[in-house]
C-alpha cells in the first residue's frame, strides 16, 4: 500500500470505526453462541476475532452485533448481554469504571474511553438531584441496532449494581425506539422506559455517589497515564486536514468533492472549514489533489482496474481528464506507474 495512504486510513480507523478486542470472544462464549456462526451470519472473515487490533466500520460492526443477536435467537438479547457481564471480566471501560469510587466518577471515566472504542459519544451531566448519562452515535449512514442502544443503557445500570452491590434503580430511562416486549426491560431497570428524543438514563444523586465496593485507586493510578496518552495520541492525530481526507475518501467516488459538500459532511460551514484548513498551512485543493493522487497510485500499483474505472472512482468525467491530471501531479503517465517504469 502507498505509504501516503497510511495517515488517511489511520485517521479513519481512529475516528470512524469500532475497536474489537478479545472480550467479544469471551462474551459470545458466555452467551452460549457459536462465534463461527455469528461471523458467517455477519458475512465477516472467519478469523476476525483472532486478529490483533481489529477495527470495524459501523456497518460491519452492526452486522456483527446483529449476527450475534440472530444466533442467540432471544428477543431479550440486550438483557442477556448485560447479564453476562461480570466484575472479573476484563475490558478497559469496565476496569476503568470499577476502579472508580462511585458512579459519578465511573461515568466520567467511561465517557473518555468511548472515544477510543468507537464513533459514539457518552455525555454525563450532574446536578444536585440527578446524574444523567446520554448516548449519541456518530458516523456511518446506518443507525445502530436498537438492541445495541438499549444494551448501553442497561450496562449503566449493571455497572452501578456491580460496583455498589446494591439493586440500584434509575429514576428515568428514555430512548427513541422502545423495545418489545417492554415488560422485561421495565423489570430489569426497575422503572418503565419511555420514548423520548434522546438515549439516556438518570440516577438519583444519592445513588450516583454511593461508594463502589470494587474501587481500587492504586490500580487506576497505574492505568490512567496509559489512557491519557492514548487519548492525547488520538486528539493529536485528528487534524482538520485528516478529517477532510477521510470525508473525501467517501466523497470522491460519488463525485462529491466540492468544499461545500465536504463541509456538509463535517457539519461545519464552508467558511469555517476553509479557515481551519488554512490555519494548518494547507488548502482544500491541495488536500483534494494529494488524496486523489494517493488513491490513484494505490489503484494503479495494487489493483488491476482499468484506467477508465480508476478515472471514474476518482471523480473525473472522462479518462483523458484523469490522464492530464495525473501527469500534472507526478510528471508521469498512469501506464508508466502501473508498469513500474
Protein backbone atom coordinates (compact mmCIF):
# COMPACT_ATOMS: atom_id res chain seq x y z
CA UNK A 1 0.00 0.00 0.00
CA UNK A 2 1.20 3.51 -0.79
CA UNK A 3 2.65 4.99 2.42
CA UNK A 4 0.80 8.22 1.68
CA UNK A 5 -2.46 6.40 2.36
CA UNK A 6 -1.45 5.31 5.86
CA UNK A 7 -2.16 8.61 7.67
CA UNK A 8 -5.54 8.83 5.95
CA UNK A 9 -6.51 5.28 6.83
CA UNK A 10 -5.22 5.64 10.39
CA UNK A 11 -7.34 8.75 10.90
CA UNK A 12 -10.39 6.94 9.54
CA UNK A 13 -9.76 3.98 11.84
CA UNK A 14 -9.44 6.14 14.93
CA UNK A 15 -12.44 8.36 14.40
CA UNK A 16 -14.99 6.36 12.44
CA UNK A 17 -14.55 2.73 13.48
CA UNK A 18 -15.26 0.37 16.37
CA UNK A 19 -12.46 -1.39 18.21
CA UNK A 20 -12.82 -5.14 18.53
CA UNK A 21 -10.95 -6.98 21.28
CA UNK A 22 -10.81 -10.40 22.91
CA UNK A 23 -13.79 -9.62 25.13
CA UNK A 24 -16.01 -10.36 22.13
CA UNK A 25 -14.89 -13.99 22.10
CA UNK A 26 -15.50 -14.23 25.85
CA UNK A 27 -18.91 -12.59 25.56
CA UNK A 28 -20.07 -14.91 22.78
CA UNK A 29 -18.89 -17.91 24.79
CA UNK A 30 -20.73 -16.66 27.89
CA UNK A 31 -23.86 -16.18 25.80
CA UNK A 32 -23.57 -19.78 24.59
CA UNK A 33 -23.43 -18.88 20.90
CA UNK A 34 -21.03 -20.04 18.19
CA UNK A 35 -18.57 -17.32 17.19
CA UNK A 36 -18.12 -19.03 13.81
CA UNK A 37 -21.86 -18.92 13.13
CA UNK A 38 -22.06 -15.29 14.21
CA UNK A 39 -19.28 -14.32 11.78
CA UNK A 40 -20.91 -16.25 8.94
CA UNK A 41 -24.25 -14.57 9.59
CA UNK A 42 -22.48 -11.20 9.52
CA UNK A 43 -20.53 -12.02 6.35
CA UNK A 44 -17.24 -11.29 8.13
CA UNK A 45 -13.90 -13.20 8.00
CA UNK A 46 -13.86 -16.45 9.96
CA UNK A 47 -10.68 -15.45 11.83
CA UNK A 48 -11.83 -11.91 12.63
CA UNK A 49 -12.00 -12.40 16.41
CA UNK A 50 -8.48 -13.84 16.45
CA UNK A 51 -6.89 -10.95 14.61
CA UNK A 52 -4.99 -8.37 16.70
CA UNK A 53 -6.13 -4.73 16.86
CA UNK A 54 -9.19 -5.12 14.64
CA UNK A 55 -11.38 -2.12 13.94
CA UNK A 56 -14.66 -2.28 12.02
CA UNK A 57 -16.58 0.38 10.14
CA UNK A 58 -20.00 0.96 11.73
CA UNK A 59 -21.90 -1.06 9.13
CA UNK A 60 -19.68 -4.12 9.71
CA UNK A 61 -19.83 -3.73 13.48
CA UNK A 62 -23.63 -3.56 13.39
CA UNK A 63 -23.70 -6.67 11.20
CA UNK A 64 -21.56 -8.43 13.81
CA UNK A 65 -23.93 -7.34 16.57
CA UNK A 66 -26.99 -8.38 14.56
CA UNK A 67 -25.33 -11.70 13.75
CA UNK A 68 -24.83 -12.39 17.44
CA UNK A 69 -28.42 -11.41 18.20
CA UNK A 70 -29.77 -13.66 15.44
CA UNK A 71 -27.61 -16.58 16.53
CA UNK A 72 -28.77 -16.21 20.13
CA UNK A 73 -32.37 -16.04 18.93
CA UNK A 74 -33.53 -14.26 22.06
CA UNK A 75 -35.79 -11.16 21.91
CA UNK A 76 -34.16 -10.06 25.18
CA UNK A 77 -30.66 -10.12 23.71
CA UNK A 78 -29.60 -6.79 25.22
CA UNK A 79 -30.56 -8.03 28.68
CA UNK A 80 -28.71 -11.29 28.15
CA UNK A 81 -25.53 -9.39 27.24
CA UNK A 82 -25.67 -7.38 30.46
CA UNK A 83 -26.42 -10.48 32.49
CA UNK A 84 -23.20 -11.97 31.11
CA UNK A 85 -21.10 -9.02 32.35
CA UNK A 86 -19.09 -9.91 35.44
CA UNK A 87 -16.75 -7.81 37.55
CA UNK A 88 -13.90 -10.24 36.91
CA UNK A 89 -14.28 -9.87 33.14
CA UNK A 90 -11.54 -7.55 31.95
CA UNK A 91 -12.38 -4.89 29.45
CA UNK A 92 -10.83 -1.41 29.57
CA UNK A 93 -14.06 0.56 30.16
CA UNK A 94 -15.31 -1.90 32.79
CA UNK A 95 -11.91 -1.87 34.51
CA UNK A 96 -11.79 1.92 34.49
CA UNK A 97 -15.31 2.09 35.87
CA UNK A 98 -14.88 -0.45 38.66
CA UNK A 99 -11.66 1.19 39.83
CA UNK A 100 -13.75 4.30 40.48
CA UNK A 101 -15.04 5.37 43.90
CA UNK A 102 -18.63 5.76 42.67
CA UNK A 103 -20.85 6.01 39.59
CA UNK A 104 -20.27 9.75 39.27
CA UNK A 105 -16.55 9.22 38.70
CA UNK A 106 -17.03 5.96 36.79
CA UNK A 107 -19.33 7.57 34.22
CA UNK A 108 -16.79 10.31 33.52
CA UNK A 109 -14.02 7.76 33.06
CA UNK A 110 -16.07 5.56 30.73
CA UNK A 111 -17.14 8.63 28.73
CA UNK A 112 -13.46 9.27 27.94
CA UNK A 113 -12.98 5.69 26.87
CA UNK A 114 -15.93 5.70 24.47
CA UNK A 115 -13.90 7.90 22.13
CA UNK A 116 -11.32 5.13 21.83
CA UNK A 117 -13.85 2.33 21.45
CA UNK A 118 -15.95 3.69 18.61
CA UNK A 119 -17.74 6.59 16.90
CA UNK A 120 -20.10 7.27 19.76
CA UNK A 121 -20.38 9.91 22.43
CA UNK A 122 -21.33 9.50 26.07
CA UNK A 123 -22.26 12.74 27.84
CA UNK A 124 -22.50 12.89 31.61
CA UNK A 125 -24.49 15.66 33.30
CA UNK A 126 -24.88 16.11 37.01
CA UNK A 127 -26.89 18.48 39.17
CA UNK A 128 -27.86 18.39 42.83
CA UNK A 129 -30.72 15.94 42.20
CA UNK A 130 -29.60 13.56 39.46
CA UNK A 131 -26.82 12.22 37.27
CA UNK A 132 -27.82 11.70 33.63
CA UNK A 133 -25.87 9.68 31.06
CA UNK A 134 -26.76 10.28 27.43
CA UNK A 135 -25.53 8.37 24.36
CA UNK A 136 -25.23 9.52 20.76
CA UNK A 137 -23.81 7.69 17.73
CA UNK A 138 -21.66 9.37 15.09
CA UNK A 139 -20.53 8.44 11.60
CA UNK A 140 -21.88 5.90 9.18
CA UNK A 141 -25.03 6.04 7.11
CA UNK A 142 -26.71 3.36 9.22
CA UNK A 143 -28.23 3.87 12.67
CA UNK A 144 -27.05 1.47 15.40
CA UNK A 145 -29.29 -1.54 16.15
CA UNK A 146 -31.96 -0.75 18.73
CA UNK A 147 -30.74 -3.61 20.93
CA UNK A 148 -27.20 -2.15 20.93
CA UNK A 149 -28.55 1.19 22.08
CA UNK A 150 -30.62 -0.50 24.77
CA UNK A 151 -27.61 -2.53 25.90
CA UNK A 152 -25.65 0.67 26.60
CA UNK A 153 -28.47 1.94 28.82
CA UNK A 154 -28.76 -1.42 30.56
CA UNK A 155 -24.99 -1.54 31.05
CA UNK A 156 -25.06 1.69 33.06
CA UNK A 157 -27.49 0.06 35.49
CA UNK A 158 -25.47 -3.16 35.53
CA UNK A 159 -22.32 -1.17 36.29
CA UNK A 160 -23.70 0.66 39.30
CA UNK A 161 -25.16 -2.56 40.67
CA UNK A 162 -21.87 -4.43 40.32
CA UNK A 163 -19.96 -1.56 41.86
CA UNK A 164 -22.23 -0.93 44.85
CA UNK A 165 -23.56 -4.49 45.33
CA UNK A 166 -26.97 -2.83 45.63
CA UNK A 167 -30.13 -3.17 43.49
CA UNK A 168 -29.93 0.44 42.28
CA UNK A 169 -32.85 1.62 40.13
CA UNK A 170 -32.59 4.52 37.70
CA UNK A 171 -35.14 7.28 38.10
CA UNK A 172 -35.63 7.73 34.34
CA UNK A 173 -34.80 5.88 31.11
CA UNK A 174 -35.55 7.30 27.66
CA UNK A 175 -34.88 6.05 24.15
CA UNK A 176 -36.16 6.87 20.69
CA UNK A 177 -37.17 3.25 19.97
CA UNK A 178 -38.80 1.31 22.80
CA UNK A 179 -38.06 -2.43 22.85
CA UNK A 180 -40.75 -5.08 22.53
CA UNK A 181 -41.75 -6.74 24.74
CA UNK A 182 -41.27 -3.84 27.14
CA UNK A 183 -42.14 -5.52 30.45
CA UNK A 184 -38.85 -7.47 30.86
CA UNK A 185 -36.90 -4.23 30.41
CA UNK A 186 -39.11 -2.47 32.93
CA UNK A 187 -38.42 -5.30 35.37
CA UNK A 188 -34.67 -5.11 34.75
CA UNK A 189 -34.46 -1.33 35.15
CA UNK A 190 -36.96 -1.17 37.98
CA UNK A 191 -38.59 1.71 36.14
CA UNK A 192 -40.60 1.90 32.91
CA UNK A 193 -38.58 3.14 29.91
CA UNK A 194 -40.27 5.90 27.97
CA UNK A 195 -39.97 7.18 24.44
CA UNK A 196 -38.02 10.40 24.10
CA UNK A 197 -35.74 12.37 21.77
CA UNK A 198 -32.53 11.01 23.35
CA UNK A 199 -30.99 7.78 24.62
CA UNK A 200 -30.43 8.48 28.31
CA UNK A 201 -30.55 7.01 31.79
CA UNK A 202 -30.73 9.04 35.01
CA UNK A 203 -29.90 8.14 38.60
CA UNK A 204 -30.68 9.87 41.87
CA UNK A 205 -27.59 11.76 43.01
CA UNK A 206 -27.60 9.77 46.25
CA UNK A 207 -27.11 6.59 44.20
CA UNK A 208 -24.55 8.23 41.90
CA UNK A 209 -22.25 8.95 44.86
CA UNK A 210 -22.87 5.65 46.66
CA UNK A 211 -19.41 4.04 47.22
CA UNK A 212 -18.22 1.34 44.82
CA UNK A 213 -17.05 -1.66 46.83
CA UNK A 214 -14.88 -2.60 43.86
CA UNK A 215 -12.93 0.67 43.96
CA UNK A 216 -9.18 0.25 43.53
CA UNK A 217 -7.48 3.63 43.24
CA UNK A 218 -3.89 2.26 43.18
CA UNK A 219 -4.76 0.17 40.09
CA UNK A 220 -6.45 3.16 38.47
CA UNK A 221 -3.44 5.37 39.21
CA UNK A 222 -1.24 2.91 37.32
CA UNK A 223 -3.74 2.58 34.48
CA UNK A 224 -4.67 6.24 33.97
CA UNK A 225 -1.39 7.50 32.39
CA UNK A 226 -1.77 5.00 29.55
CA UNK A 227 -5.36 6.10 28.99
CA UNK A 228 -4.35 9.75 28.95
CA UNK A 229 -1.57 9.04 26.44
CA UNK A 230 -3.91 7.11 24.15
CA UNK A 231 -6.42 9.96 24.26
CA UNK A 232 -3.67 12.50 23.60
CA UNK A 233 -2.45 10.47 20.63
CA UNK A 234 -5.98 10.30 19.30
CA UNK A 235 -6.51 14.04 19.66
CA UNK A 236 -3.15 14.86 18.09
CA UNK A 237 -3.82 12.72 15.05
CA UNK A 238 -7.20 14.16 14.12
CA UNK A 239 -6.23 17.34 12.30
CA UNK A 240 -8.76 19.13 10.15
CA UNK A 241 -6.78 18.08 7.07
CA UNK A 242 -7.09 14.42 8.06
CA UNK A 243 -10.81 14.78 8.69
CA UNK A 244 -11.16 16.33 5.22
CA UNK A 245 -9.18 13.46 3.68
CA UNK A 246 -11.41 10.96 5.47
CA UNK A 247 -14.51 12.68 4.14
CA UNK A 248 -13.01 12.82 0.65
CA UNK A 249 -12.49 9.06 0.69
CA UNK A 250 -16.26 8.75 0.80
CA UNK A 251 -16.98 11.75 -1.40
CA UNK A 252 -14.54 11.22 -4.29
CA UNK A 253 -16.15 8.05 -5.74
CA UNK A 254 -19.55 9.75 -5.74
CA UNK A 255 -18.21 12.96 -7.26
CA UNK A 256 -18.93 15.00 -4.10
CA UNK A 257 -15.59 16.76 -3.98
CA UNK A 258 -16.54 20.41 -3.52
CA UNK A 259 -15.68 22.23 -0.34
CA UNK A 260 -19.41 22.76 0.25
CA UNK A 261 -20.06 19.02 0.10
CA UNK A 262 -17.17 18.15 2.43
CA UNK A 263 -18.11 20.93 4.86
CA UNK A 264 -21.60 19.44 4.97
CA UNK A 265 -20.16 16.01 5.81
CA UNK A 266 -18.15 17.56 8.64
CA UNK A 267 -21.12 19.61 9.87
CA UNK A 268 -19.37 22.99 9.55
CA UNK A 269 -19.81 25.93 7.21
CA UNK A 270 -17.65 26.28 4.12
CA UNK A 271 -16.12 29.44 5.55
CA UNK A 272 -15.26 27.77 8.86
CA UNK A 273 -13.73 24.78 7.10
CA UNK A 274 -11.61 26.97 4.85
CA UNK A 275 -10.35 28.99 7.81
CA UNK A 276 -9.39 25.87 9.77
CA UNK A 277 -7.64 24.31 6.78
CA UNK A 278 -5.64 27.47 6.15
CA UNK A 279 -4.68 27.61 9.85
CA UNK A 280 -2.95 24.25 9.31
CA UNK A 281 -0.94 25.67 6.42
CA UNK A 282 -2.65 23.99 3.52
CA UNK A 283 -5.68 24.39 1.25
CA UNK A 284 -8.71 22.36 0.28
CA UNK A 285 -7.50 21.99 -3.30
CA UNK A 286 -4.12 20.74 -2.09
CA UNK A 287 -5.75 18.13 0.15
CA UNK A 288 -8.03 17.06 -2.70
CA UNK A 289 -5.06 16.75 -5.08
CA UNK A 290 -2.97 14.75 -2.59
CA UNK A 291 -5.88 12.45 -1.78
CA UNK A 292 -6.66 11.80 -5.44
CA UNK A 293 -3.01 11.20 -6.24
CA UNK A 294 -2.57 8.77 -3.33
CA UNK A 295 -5.69 6.87 -4.34
CA UNK A 296 -4.64 6.84 -7.99
CA UNK A 297 -1.23 5.37 -7.11
CA UNK A 298 -2.88 2.76 -4.92
CA UNK A 299 -5.29 1.70 -7.67
CA UNK A 300 -2.54 1.60 -10.29
CA UNK A 301 0.01 -0.28 -8.19
CA UNK A 302 -2.21 -2.61 -6.16
CA UNK A 303 -5.19 -3.39 -8.41
CA UNK A 304 -5.85 -4.47 -12.00
CA UNK A 305 -8.60 -1.91 -12.52
CA UNK A 306 -8.53 -0.33 -16.00
CA UNK A 307 -7.72 3.37 -16.18
CA UNK A 308 -11.31 4.14 -17.20
CA UNK A 309 -12.63 2.69 -13.94
CA UNK A 310 -9.92 4.41 -11.89
CA UNK A 311 -10.88 7.66 -13.55
CA UNK A 312 -14.49 7.10 -12.52
CA UNK A 313 -13.53 6.19 -8.93
CA UNK A 314 -11.51 9.39 -8.67
CA UNK A 315 -14.46 11.51 -9.74
CA UNK A 316 -13.23 12.53 -13.22
CA UNK A 317 -15.75 12.99 -16.01
CA UNK A 318 -13.67 11.04 -18.53
CA UNK A 319 -10.30 9.19 -18.68
CA UNK A 320 -8.44 11.92 -20.59
CA UNK A 321 -9.04 14.34 -17.68
CA UNK A 322 -7.56 11.76 -15.32
CA UNK A 323 -4.50 11.25 -17.56
CA UNK A 324 -3.84 15.00 -17.75
CA UNK A 325 -4.30 15.46 -14.00
CA UNK A 326 -2.04 12.51 -13.14
CA UNK A 327 0.74 13.78 -15.39
CA UNK A 328 0.40 17.17 -13.73
CA UNK A 329 0.70 15.60 -10.26
CA UNK A 330 3.58 13.24 -10.96
CA UNK A 331 5.16 14.12 -14.29
CA UNK A 332 4.40 10.53 -15.36
CA UNK A 333 1.61 8.69 -17.12
CA UNK A 334 -0.66 6.22 -15.30
CA UNK A 335 0.62 3.42 -17.58
CA UNK A 336 4.26 4.05 -16.63
CA UNK A 337 3.41 3.88 -12.92
CA UNK A 338 1.50 0.62 -13.41
CA UNK A 339 4.42 -0.88 -15.34
CA UNK A 340 6.90 0.32 -12.74
CA UNK A 341 8.83 2.26 -15.33
